Amino acid sequence: MNKAMKKFIGWLITIVILVILFLAAGPLYIVNEGTQVVVTRFSKIVSSHQDAGLHFKVPFLDHVIEYPKLILSLDGDEQRIPTKENQYIIVDTTSRWRITDPEAFYKNFQTLNNSYNKLSDIIDSSCRTVITQNRMSEIVRSSNLINESKVEETDEDEETIEINNLVNADTTNEVVARGRSVLCKQMAEKARAEITGFGIELIDIVPRQVKYSDELNESVYNSMIKDRNQVAQAYRSLGEGKKAEWLGKLENEKRRITSEAYRKSEEIKGNADAEAAAIYAAAYNKDPEFYNFWKSMESYKNNLKDYPATLSTKMDYFDYLYSPNGR
């Protein structure tokens, strides 16, 4: 093998080694579906790609930073926030957002953890600002359905309607002008104004839960107890009224029955007396002497039974006692 051939083979081996080292350094990279990348060189942005595909970079100099392209969620911490009535509530929100401009995102945050911290502070601030400017009813309710349901006609019976009138006689619900859904939109709009230029799109902010603070819980429980006592008192009042109504009906019915029974008894007694008088008259006409004797015996039986002795002069009343013949 001559010297020129050896030199050629040497250069060929050197080129192959350099190519292998170049490929081993990773000059190519892939952008997958659902991801986007920012390419930096000495911490300065060189390029960015949001579409999936194969791309080239300078080995050892360019650094590829990958960010998710999908919708992300951010769960906020619980906040103790006063409402417009100065009543404290505990609010826990969740938000949906995504990265729309990876270069702007890198300039402002570089990492996802930094964006979480900054975005969480902005969302918490917007929630606190909106909640403190509104009443409790606006935060926990989304419509006036509870008020409108009272106006609608129902098929309830009279007793249920009467109880509802007694229970809700002094109850008035505040009118909801905006409601929770509108307040959530206001929170999102306020937060969007503060993240302009961050390369982020904030989709929405939703309260995951709204609960009363400890000091407000006692007031709510007392209010619930008062409402239940009011319901119980309404049932008792209605029961007492029904009791008095039925007792009155019972007394009237008793008087009616007693009066009707007395009328019938007097009618029967009158008929009996008339029949007895007719029998007596018939008996008298048949045998006057026996009739007088029988009536005298009945009179003795009724009038002399309570007296141990009878002292009298001769009287016609005692003719049947003194006469040996019973006459």
Protein backbone atom coordinates (compact mmCIF):
# COMPACT_ATOMS: atom_id res chain seq x y z
CA MET A 1 0.00 0.00 0.00
CA ASN A 2 1.54 3.29 -1.05
CA LYS A 3 1.78 6.39 1.09
CA ALA A 4 -1.10 8.25 -0.67
CA MET A 5 -3.49 5.41 -0.03
CA LYS A 6 -2.58 5.32 3.64
CA LYS A 7 -3.14 9.06 3.89
CA PHE A 8 -6.56 8.74 2.23
CA ILE A 9 -7.59 5.96 4.57
CA GLY A 10 -6.47 8.04 7.54
CA TRP A 11 -8.53 11.01 6.46
CA LEU A 12 -11.51 8.75 5.80
CA ILE A 13 -11.29 7.26 9.29
CA THR A 14 -10.99 10.72 10.79
CA ILE A 15 -14.06 11.92 8.90
CA VAL A 16 -16.06 8.87 9.99
CA ILE A 17 -15.07 9.44 13.62
CA LEU A 18 -16.04 13.11 13.40
CA VAL A 19 -19.38 12.19 11.85
CA ILE A 20 -19.99 9.65 14.59
CA LEU A 21 -19.10 12.20 17.28
CA PHE A 22 -21.28 14.79 15.57
CA LEU A 23 -24.25 12.43 15.49
CA ALA A 24 -23.56 11.33 19.08
CA ALA A 25 -23.72 14.98 20.15
CA GLY A 26 -27.39 15.06 18.99
CA PRO A 27 -27.71 17.68 16.28
CA LEU A 28 -31.28 16.59 15.63
CA TYR A 29 -34.22 16.67 18.02
CA ILE A 30 -37.91 15.79 17.75
CA VAL A 31 -40.87 17.94 18.79
CA ASN A 32 -43.66 15.56 19.84
CA GLU A 33 -47.38 16.13 19.57
CA GLY A 34 -48.72 18.10 22.52
CA THR A 35 -45.38 19.80 23.18
CA GLN A 36 -43.57 22.96 22.10
CA VAL A 37 -39.92 23.91 22.48
CA VAL A 38 -37.63 26.88 22.86
CA VAL A 39 -34.03 26.59 21.64
CA THR A 40 -31.51 28.70 23.57
CA ARG A 41 -27.82 29.38 23.00
CA PHE A 42 -25.92 30.84 25.91
CA SER A 43 -29.31 31.50 27.64
CA LYS A 44 -30.53 33.51 24.67
CA ILE A 45 -33.47 32.36 22.54
CA VAL A 46 -32.43 31.17 19.11
CA SER A 47 -35.71 29.70 17.88
CA SER A 48 -38.98 28.11 18.97
CA HIS A 49 -41.23 25.45 17.50
CA GLN A 50 -44.87 24.68 18.26
CA ASP A 51 -45.51 22.11 15.53
CA ALA A 52 -44.47 18.47 15.76
CA GLY A 53 -41.51 17.43 13.62
CA LEU A 54 -37.75 16.89 13.31
CA HIS A 55 -35.45 19.91 13.78
CA PHE A 56 -31.75 20.75 13.81
CA LYS A 57 -29.64 22.34 16.57
CA VAL A 58 -25.99 23.19 17.07
CA PRO A 59 -24.47 20.47 19.25
CA PHE A 60 -22.99 21.47 22.59
CA LEU A 61 -24.19 25.07 22.13
CA ASP A 62 -27.97 24.90 21.73
CA HIS A 63 -30.21 23.79 24.59
CA VAL A 64 -33.79 22.60 23.88
CA ILE A 65 -36.40 23.43 26.54
CA GLU A 66 -39.70 21.62 26.22
CA TYR A 67 -43.06 22.95 27.45
CA PRO A 68 -46.49 21.30 27.37
CA LYS A 69 -48.89 22.51 24.73
CA LEU A 70 -51.98 21.03 26.40
CA ILE A 71 -54.34 22.72 28.86
CA LEU A 72 -52.89 22.77 32.37
CA SER A 73 -54.64 23.12 35.73
CA LEU A 74 -53.62 25.09 38.77
CA ASP A 75 -55.19 24.40 42.16
CA GLY A 76 -54.92 27.37 44.48
CA ASP A 77 -54.50 27.35 48.23
CA GLU A 78 -57.38 28.01 50.61
CA GLN A 79 -57.88 31.70 51.32
CA ARG A 80 -59.73 33.33 54.19
CA ILE A 81 -61.45 36.27 52.51
CA PRO A 82 -63.97 38.80 53.90
CA THR A 83 -67.10 39.56 51.88
CA LYS A 84 -68.71 42.96 51.45
CA GLU A 85 -70.66 42.37 54.71
CA ASN A 86 -67.31 41.63 56.44
CA GLN A 87 -68.18 37.95 56.82
CA TYR A 88 -65.16 35.70 56.38
CA ILE A 89 -65.34 32.68 54.07
CA ILE A 90 -62.80 30.08 52.96
CA VAL A 91 -62.35 29.99 49.16
CA ASP A 92 -60.45 27.36 47.22
CA THR A 93 -60.12 27.89 43.45
CA THR A 94 -58.92 25.90 40.47
CA SER A 95 -57.83 27.41 37.14
CA ARG A 96 -57.19 26.22 33.60
CA TRP A 97 -54.44 27.75 31.47
CA ARG A 98 -51.99 26.96 28.68
CA ILE A 99 -48.79 28.28 27.13
CA THR A 100 -49.48 30.09 23.85
CA ASP A 101 -46.11 31.79 23.27
CA PRO A 102 -43.15 29.67 24.43
CA GLU A 103 -40.60 32.43 23.82
CA ALA A 104 -42.49 34.96 25.96
CA PHE A 105 -43.05 32.26 28.56
CA TYR A 106 -39.33 31.50 28.71
CA LYS A 107 -38.43 35.17 29.05
CA ASN A 108 -40.79 35.61 32.00
CA PHE A 109 -40.58 32.28 33.82
CA GLN A 110 -38.12 29.86 32.21
CA THR A 111 -39.58 26.94 34.23
CA LEU A 112 -43.10 25.68 34.91
CA ASN A 113 -42.61 25.90 38.68
CA ASN A 114 -41.86 29.62 38.43
CA SER A 115 -45.01 30.13 36.35
CA TYR A 116 -47.11 28.21 38.89
CA ASN A 117 -45.93 30.44 41.73
CA LYS A 118 -46.47 33.69 39.81
CA LEU A 119 -49.81 32.68 38.34
CA SER A 120 -51.06 31.45 41.72
CA ASP A 121 -50.30 34.84 43.30
CA ILE A 122 -52.11 36.69 40.50
CA ILE A 123 -55.19 34.43 40.68
CA ASP A 124 -55.38 34.63 44.48
CA SER A 125 -55.17 38.42 44.30
CA SER A 126 -57.92 38.70 41.68
CA CYS A 127 -60.19 36.36 43.68
CA ARG A 128 -59.68 38.36 46.85
CA THR A 129 -60.36 41.66 45.09
CA VAL A 130 -63.62 40.48 43.49
CA ILE A 131 -64.95 38.68 46.58
CA THR A 132 -64.36 41.59 48.96
CA GLN A 133 -66.45 43.81 46.66
CA ASN A 134 -69.52 41.56 46.66
CA ARG A 135 -72.06 40.18 49.12
CA MET A 136 -72.14 36.61 50.36
CA SER A 137 -75.26 35.79 48.30
CA GLU A 138 -73.51 36.82 45.09
CA ILE A 139 -70.67 34.41 45.80
CA VAL A 140 -72.59 31.30 46.83
CA ARG A 141 -75.53 31.63 44.41
CA SER A 142 -75.69 31.90 40.64
CA SER A 143 -79.34 32.85 40.09
CA ASN A 144 -82.60 34.01 41.72
CA LEU A 145 -84.22 30.62 41.27
CA ILE A 146 -84.88 30.31 45.02
CA ASN A 147 -86.86 33.57 44.92
CA GLU A 148 -88.69 32.78 41.71
CA SER A 149 -89.77 29.36 42.99
CA LYS A 150 -91.84 31.04 45.73
CA VAL A 151 -93.83 32.98 43.17
CA GLU A 152 -94.67 29.97 41.00
CA GLU A 153 -97.96 28.23 41.63
CA THR A 154 -97.73 24.78 43.18
CA ASP A 155 -100.07 21.83 43.67
CA GLU A 156 -99.41 21.62 47.41
CA ASP A 157 -102.29 21.08 49.79
CA GLU A 158 -103.68 23.86 51.95
CA GLU A 159 -101.90 22.70 55.10
CA THR A 160 -98.49 22.70 53.40
CA ILE A 161 -99.12 26.14 51.94
CA GLU A 162 -100.23 27.42 55.35
CA ILE A 163 -97.08 26.03 56.99
CA ASN A 164 -94.87 27.57 54.30
CA ASN A 165 -96.59 30.91 54.84
CA LEU A 166 -96.00 30.67 58.59
CA VAL A 167 -92.37 29.63 58.20
CA ASN A 168 -91.47 32.11 55.48
CA ALA A 169 -93.55 34.99 56.77
CA ASP A 170 -90.49 36.99 57.84
CA THR A 171 -87.94 35.40 55.49
CA THR A 172 -86.56 37.52 52.69
CA ASN A 173 -83.80 36.34 50.35
CA GLU A 174 -81.43 38.82 48.80
CA VAL A 175 -81.72 39.36 45.07
CA VAL A 176 -78.70 38.13 43.12
CA ALA A 177 -77.63 40.78 40.62
CA ARG A 178 -74.65 38.94 39.10
CA GLY A 179 -74.08 35.59 40.75
CA ARG A 180 -71.07 33.32 41.12
CA SER A 181 -70.62 32.58 37.40
CA VAL A 182 -70.33 36.29 36.59
CA LEU A 183 -67.91 36.83 39.47
CA CYS A 184 -65.74 33.98 38.17
CA LYS A 185 -65.56 35.72 34.79
CA GLN A 186 -64.59 38.97 36.53
CA MET A 187 -61.82 37.15 38.41
CA ALA A 188 -60.50 35.70 35.16
CA GLU A 189 -60.64 39.07 33.35
CA LYS A 190 -58.75 40.79 36.15
CA ALA A 191 -56.10 38.06 36.19
CA ARG A 192 -55.75 38.15 32.37
CA ALA A 193 -55.00 41.86 32.54
CA GLU A 194 -52.03 41.14 34.81
CA ILE A 195 -50.52 38.30 32.74
CA THR A 196 -50.44 40.16 29.45
CA GLY A 197 -47.16 39.47 27.69
CA PHE A 198 -46.42 36.35 29.72
CA GLY A 199 -47.18 34.00 26.83
CA ILE A 200 -50.04 32.47 28.82
CA GLU A 201 -53.75 32.13 28.07
CA LEU A 202 -55.90 31.93 31.19
CA ILE A 203 -59.04 30.01 30.27
CA ASP A 204 -61.09 30.30 33.45
CA ILE A 205 -61.12 30.47 37.25
CA VAL A 206 -63.63 28.33 39.13
CA PRO A 207 -64.15 28.19 42.93
CA ARG A 208 -63.64 24.54 43.81
CA GLN A 209 -65.28 25.04 47.18
CA VAL A 210 -66.65 27.89 49.25
CA LYS A 211 -67.14 27.27 52.96
CA TYR A 212 -67.77 29.36 56.03
CA SER A 213 -65.01 30.30 58.43
CA ASP A 214 -65.11 28.95 62.00
CA GLU A 215 -66.64 32.08 63.51
CA LEU A 216 -69.24 32.26 60.76
CA ASN A 217 -70.10 28.57 61.17
CA GLU A 218 -71.55 29.20 64.62
CA SER A 219 -73.70 32.03 63.30
CA VAL A 220 -74.92 29.83 60.44
CA TYR A 221 -75.70 26.95 62.81
CA ASN A 222 -77.62 29.29 65.12
CA SER A 223 -79.55 30.59 62.13
CA MET A 224 -80.35 27.02 61.05
CA ILE A 225 -81.50 26.15 64.58
CA LYS A 226 -83.69 29.24 64.61
CA ASP A 227 -85.18 28.29 61.25
CA ARG A 228 -85.89 24.72 62.41
CA ASN A 229 -87.46 26.04 65.63
CA GLN A 230 -89.57 28.34 63.53
CA VAL A 231 -90.70 25.39 61.41
CA ALA A 232 -91.47 23.36 64.54
CA GLN A 233 -93.41 26.27 66.03
CA ALA A 234 -95.34 26.62 62.78
CA TYR A 235 -96.33 22.96 62.95
CA ARG A 236 -97.29 23.33 66.61
CA SER A 237 -99.35 26.43 65.90
CA LEU A 238 -101.08 24.73 63.01
CA GLY A 239 -101.70 21.66 65.18
CA GLU A 240 -103.15 23.74 68.00
CA GLY A 241 -105.40 25.52 65.54
CA LYS A 242 -106.59 22.24 64.04
CA LYS A 243 -107.11 20.86 67.55
CA ALA A 244 -109.28 23.83 68.55
CA GLU A 245 -111.17 23.54 65.26
CA TRP A 246 -111.91 19.85 65.75
CA LEU A 247 -112.79 20.31 69.43
CA GLY A 248 -115.23 23.02 68.42
CA LYS A 249 -116.75 20.72 65.79
CA LEU A 250 -116.90 17.91 68.37
CA GLU A 251 -118.64 20.13 70.92
CA ASN A 252 -121.15 21.35 68.35
CA GLU A 253 -121.80 17.78 67.22
CA LYS A 254 -122.25 16.66 70.83
CA ARG A 255 -124.73 19.45 71.48
CA ARG A 256 -126.59 18.61 68.30
CA ILE A 257 -126.78 14.93 69.22
CA THR A 258 -127.82 15.73 72.81
CA SER A 259 -130.46 18.16 71.62
CA GLU A 260 -131.78 15.68 69.09
CA ALA A 261 -131.83 12.91 71.71
CA TYR A 262 -133.64 15.15 74.22
CA ARG A 263 -136.18 16.10 71.59
CA LYS A 264 -136.83 12.46 70.73
CA SER A 265 -136.99 11.45 74.43
CA GLU A 266 -139.50 14.18 75.17
CA GLU A 267 -141.48 13.15 72.13
CA ILE A 268 -141.47 9.51 73.28
CA LYS A 269 -142.38 10.50 76.83
CA GLY A 270 -145.24 12.64 75.56
CA ASN A 271 -146.52 9.78 73.43
CA ALA A 272 -146.12 7.40 76.37
CA ASP A 273 -147.90 9.76 78.73
CA ALA A 274 -150.71 10.18 76.23
CA GLU A 275 -150.93 6.41 75.77
CA ALA A 276 -150.84 5.89 79.56
CA ALA A 277 -153.55 8.50 80.04
CA ALA A 278 -155.65 6.77 77.41
CA ILE A 279 -155.14 3.43 79.19
CA TYR A 280 -156.01 4.97 82.55
CA ALA A 281 -159.11 6.60 81.11
CA ALA A 282 -160.18 3.30 79.59
CA ALA A 283 -159.56 1.52 82.89
CA TYR A 284 -161.49 4.19 84.82
CA ASN A 285 -164.42 3.95 82.47
CA LYS A 286 -164.41 0.16 82.80
CA ASP A 287 -164.26 -0.01 86.65
CA PRO A 288 -164.07 3.37 88.46
CA GLU A 289 -163.91 1.75 91.92
CA PHE A 290 -160.93 -0.43 91.02
CA TYR A 291 -159.24 2.50 89.37
CA ASN A 292 -159.52 4.60 92.55
CA PHE A 293 -158.20 1.67 94.61
CA TRP A 294 -155.20 1.13 92.33
CA LYS A 295 -154.28 4.82 92.27
CA SER A 296 -154.57 4.98 96.09
CA MET A 297 -152.21 2.01 96.46
CA GLU A 298 -149.68 3.62 94.16
CA SER A 299 -149.94 6.84 96.18
CA TYR A 300 -149.43 4.97 99.50
CA LYS A 301 -146.45 3.18 98.04
CA ASN A 302 -144.79 6.34 96.82
CA ASN A 303 -145.64 8.70 99.73
CA LEU A 304 -145.61 6.56 102.90
CA LYS A 305 -142.55 4.38 102.32
CA ASP A 306 -140.16 6.82 104.05
CA TYR A 307 -142.26 7.25 107.22
CA PRO A 308 -142.20 4.64 110.06
CA ALA A 309 -145.52 5.92 111.46
CA THR A 310 -148.46 7.96 110.21
CA LEU A 311 -150.63 10.02 112.55
CA SER A 312 -153.70 11.66 111.16
CA THR A 313 -157.38 12.31 111.76
CA LYS A 314 -160.00 10.71 109.60
CA MET A 315 -159.28 11.67 105.99
CA ASP A 316 -160.59 10.49 102.68
CA TYR A 317 -156.98 9.80 101.66
CA PHE A 318 -156.77 6.91 104.10
CA ASP A 319 -160.17 5.39 103.33
CA TYR A 320 -158.59 2.22 101.91
CA LEU A 321 -156.38 1.85 105.01
CA TYR A 322 -159.08 2.34 107.62
CA SER A 323 -161.88 0.49 105.98
CA PRO A 324 -162.02 -3.24 106.88
CA ASN A 325 -163.52 -3.90 103.51
CA GLY A 326 -160.91 -1.96 101.69
CA ARG A 327 -163.45 0.62 100.52
